[in-house]
Protein backbone atom coordinates (compact mmCIF):
# COMPACT_ATOMS: atom_id res chain seq x y z
CA MET A 1 21.89 -86.23 -11.93
CA SER A 2 18.34 -85.32 -11.61
CA ASN A 3 18.71 -85.19 -7.83
CA GLU A 4 21.74 -82.99 -8.10
CA GLN A 5 19.98 -80.52 -10.31
CA TYR A 6 17.03 -80.54 -7.97
CA TRP A 7 19.27 -79.45 -5.08
CA GLU A 8 20.85 -76.75 -7.17
CA ASP A 9 17.42 -75.39 -8.07
CA ASP A 10 16.52 -75.39 -4.40
CA ASN A 11 19.65 -73.40 -3.57
CA ASP A 12 18.88 -70.89 -6.29
CA ASN A 13 15.33 -70.51 -5.00
CA LEU A 14 16.60 -70.09 -1.44
CA GLN A 15 19.07 -67.40 -2.52
CA ASN A 16 16.32 -65.59 -4.47
CA GLU A 17 14.02 -65.68 -1.44
CA ARG A 18 16.78 -64.32 0.80
CA SER A 19 17.54 -61.48 -1.59
CA GLN A 20 13.84 -60.67 -1.90
CA ASN A 21 13.44 -60.70 1.88
CA SER A 22 16.43 -58.46 2.33
CA TYR A 23 14.98 -55.98 -0.17
CA GLY A 24 11.64 -56.26 1.58
CA ASP A 25 13.18 -55.64 4.99
CA ASP A 26 15.03 -52.61 3.66
CA GLY A 27 11.83 -51.32 2.10
CA ILE A 28 9.92 -51.67 5.36
CA ALA A 29 12.79 -50.08 7.27
CA ASN A 30 12.83 -47.19 4.82
CA LEU A 31 9.08 -46.78 5.16
CA ARG A 32 9.37 -46.75 8.95
CA LYS A 33 12.14 -44.16 8.72
CA ALA A 34 10.05 -41.99 6.40
CA LYS A 35 7.07 -42.35 8.72
CA ARG A 36 9.14 -41.24 11.74
CA ALA A 37 10.48 -38.27 9.75
CA ASP A 38 6.94 -37.32 8.68
CA GLU A 39 5.64 -37.60 12.25
CA LYS A 40 8.51 -35.44 13.49
CA ARG A 41 7.79 -32.81 10.81
CA ILE A 42 4.07 -32.85 11.64
CA LYS A 43 4.86 -32.34 15.32
CA GLU A 44 7.16 -29.39 14.50
CA LEU A 45 4.51 -27.80 12.26
CA GLU A 46 1.80 -28.25 14.90
CA GLU A 47 4.06 -26.56 17.47
CA GLN A 48 4.70 -23.66 15.09
CA LEU A 49 0.98 -23.31 14.39
CA ALA A 50 0.18 -23.29 18.11
CA LYS A 51 2.87 -20.65 18.69
CA PHE A 52 1.59 -18.40 15.86
CA SER A 53 -2.00 -18.84 17.00
CA ARG A 54 -1.07 -17.93 20.59
CA GLU A 55 0.86 -14.84 19.42
CA SER A 56 -2.02 -13.78 17.18
CA ASN A 57 -4.52 -14.14 20.02
CA GLU A 58 -2.27 -12.13 22.37
CA ARG A 59 -1.88 -9.37 19.80
CA THR A 60 -5.63 -9.24 19.13
CA VAL A 61 -6.52 -9.05 22.83
CA LYS A 62 -3.90 -6.36 23.47
CA GLU A 63 -5.21 -4.26 20.56
CA ILE A 64 -8.79 -4.54 21.79
CA LEU A 65 -7.84 -3.70 25.37
CA GLU A 66 -5.76 -0.76 24.21
CA SER A 67 -8.64 0.57 22.12
CA LYS A 68 -10.90 0.42 25.18
CA GLY A 69 -8.35 2.20 27.37
CA VAL A 70 -7.52 -0.84 29.49
CA ASN A 71 -4.00 -1.72 30.61
CA VAL A 72 -2.65 -4.35 28.18
CA LYS A 73 -1.24 -6.41 31.06
CA ALA A 74 -4.80 -7.60 31.62
CA ALA A 75 -4.45 -9.62 28.40
CA ARG A 76 -3.07 -12.55 30.41
CA LEU A 77 -6.30 -12.78 32.41
CA VAL A 78 -8.45 -12.52 29.31
CA LEU A 79 -6.47 -15.19 27.46
CA LYS A 80 -6.80 -17.64 30.37
CA ASP A 81 -10.58 -17.33 30.41
CA LEU A 82 -11.46 -17.24 26.71
CA ASP A 83 -11.25 -20.07 24.19
CA THR A 84 -12.13 -18.06 21.10
CA ILE A 85 -10.67 -14.60 20.73
CA ASN A 86 -12.62 -11.88 18.95
CA ALA A 87 -13.78 -8.35 19.74
CA ASP A 88 -17.20 -9.44 21.02
CA ALA A 89 -15.78 -12.09 23.33
CA VAL A 90 -13.23 -9.68 24.82
CA SER A 91 -15.89 -6.97 25.24
CA ASN A 92 -18.19 -9.42 27.01
CA TRP A 93 -15.32 -10.52 29.25
CA LEU A 94 -14.64 -6.89 30.13
CA VAL A 95 -18.30 -6.31 31.02
CA GLU A 96 -18.40 -9.42 33.22
CA ASN A 97 -14.92 -9.20 34.80
CA GLY A 98 -13.89 -5.59 34.29
CA ASP A 99 -14.13 -4.84 37.99
CA LEU A 100 -11.13 -7.15 38.56
CA ILE A 101 -8.89 -4.78 36.62
CA GLY A 102 -10.66 -1.52 37.40
CA TYR A 103 -12.54 -1.25 34.13
CA THR A 104 -15.97 0.27 34.03
CA PRO A 105 -17.84 0.13 30.73
CA ASN A 106 -18.81 3.46 29.23
CA GLN A 107 -22.36 4.26 30.13
CA GLU A 108 -24.30 5.91 27.35
CA LYS A 109 -25.50 9.29 28.53
CA PRO A 110 -29.20 9.98 28.15
CA VAL A 111 -29.88 12.39 25.32
CA ASP A 112 -31.36 15.74 26.29
CA THR A 113 -34.44 16.45 24.18
CA GLU A 114 -33.90 20.21 24.42
CA ASN A 115 -30.52 19.82 22.77
CA ILE A 116 -32.04 17.71 20.03
CA ARG A 117 -34.64 20.38 19.31
CA ALA A 118 -31.98 23.09 19.21
CA LEU A 119 -29.88 21.02 16.83
CA GLN A 120 -32.88 20.38 14.58
CA GLN A 121 -33.64 24.09 14.50
CA GLN A 122 -30.02 24.89 13.59
CA ASP A 123 -30.12 22.26 10.90
CA SER A 124 -33.28 23.68 9.32
CA VAL A 125 -31.81 27.21 9.36
CA THR A 126 -28.59 26.12 7.69
CA GLN A 127 -30.41 24.07 5.05
CA THR A 128 -32.57 26.95 3.90
CA ALA A 129 -29.91 29.65 4.18
CA ASP A 130 -28.28 31.18 1.12
CA THR A 131 -24.80 30.07 0.45
CA PRO A 132 -22.17 32.80 0.46
CA ALA A 133 -21.49 32.30 -3.21
CA TYR A 134 -25.13 32.98 -4.13
CA SER A 135 -25.36 36.14 -2.04
CA GLU A 136 -22.09 37.38 -3.52
CA ASP A 137 -23.57 36.77 -6.98
CA ILE A 138 -26.63 38.89 -6.13
CA ALA A 139 -24.48 41.71 -4.80
CA ARG A 140 -22.38 41.63 -7.97
CA LEU A 141 -25.47 41.60 -10.20
CA ILE A 142 -26.97 44.57 -8.36
CA ALA A 143 -23.70 46.48 -8.58
CA ASN A 144 -23.48 45.82 -12.31
CA ALA A 145 -27.14 46.60 -13.01
CA SER A 146 -27.60 49.53 -15.41
CA SER A 147 -31.26 50.27 -14.75
CA GLU A 148 -33.88 50.19 -12.05
CA GLU A 149 -35.78 47.45 -13.89
CA GLU A 150 -32.76 45.13 -13.81
CA ILE A 151 -32.44 45.62 -10.03
CA ILE A 152 -36.14 44.83 -9.52
CA SER A 153 -35.89 41.69 -11.68
CA ILE A 154 -32.80 40.55 -9.73
CA LEU A 155 -34.51 41.10 -6.36
CA SER A 156 -37.73 39.39 -7.46
CA GLY A 157 -35.76 36.35 -8.65
CA ARG A 158 -36.88 36.47 -12.29
C-alpha cells in the first residue's frame, strides 16, 4: 500500500505541475500580448507626434515667410534645409539662400543727420510750447479780469 500511495502522490504532483505550467504559459502569453499592444500604441503615438510636429513647423515657417513678404511656397525649401525651426533660423536661411527665391533682405537706410537735427529742433519746440488748454485759460482769465492790476499779474505769471 505504501507504494500505491506513493504513485498517487506522484500523479497529484504531476497534475499540479501541469496546471501551474498552464497558468504560467497563459501569463507569459498575456504579457507578450500586452507588450505587443503597448508597442503598437507607442508606434501610433510617435507617428501622431511626428505629424503634429511637422505641421507645427510648416505653420511656423509659413507665418515667418509671410511676415517677411516671401511667397509661402518657399516653405518646402526651408523645411528641407533646417533641423530646428524658429524665427532666427528662418531669417538666417533667407539671408543665405534668399536669392534662390528672389528674396533680398531689407537694407537699413543710412540716417540723414540733417533730418535728425530738424527732428530734435521740432521736439524741443513742442516740449516747451504752451498747451492749448493753458493758453485758453490765460485768455479766459484776461477776459474776466476786472482791473488793470489783475491783467498785469496774469501776464507776469504771479
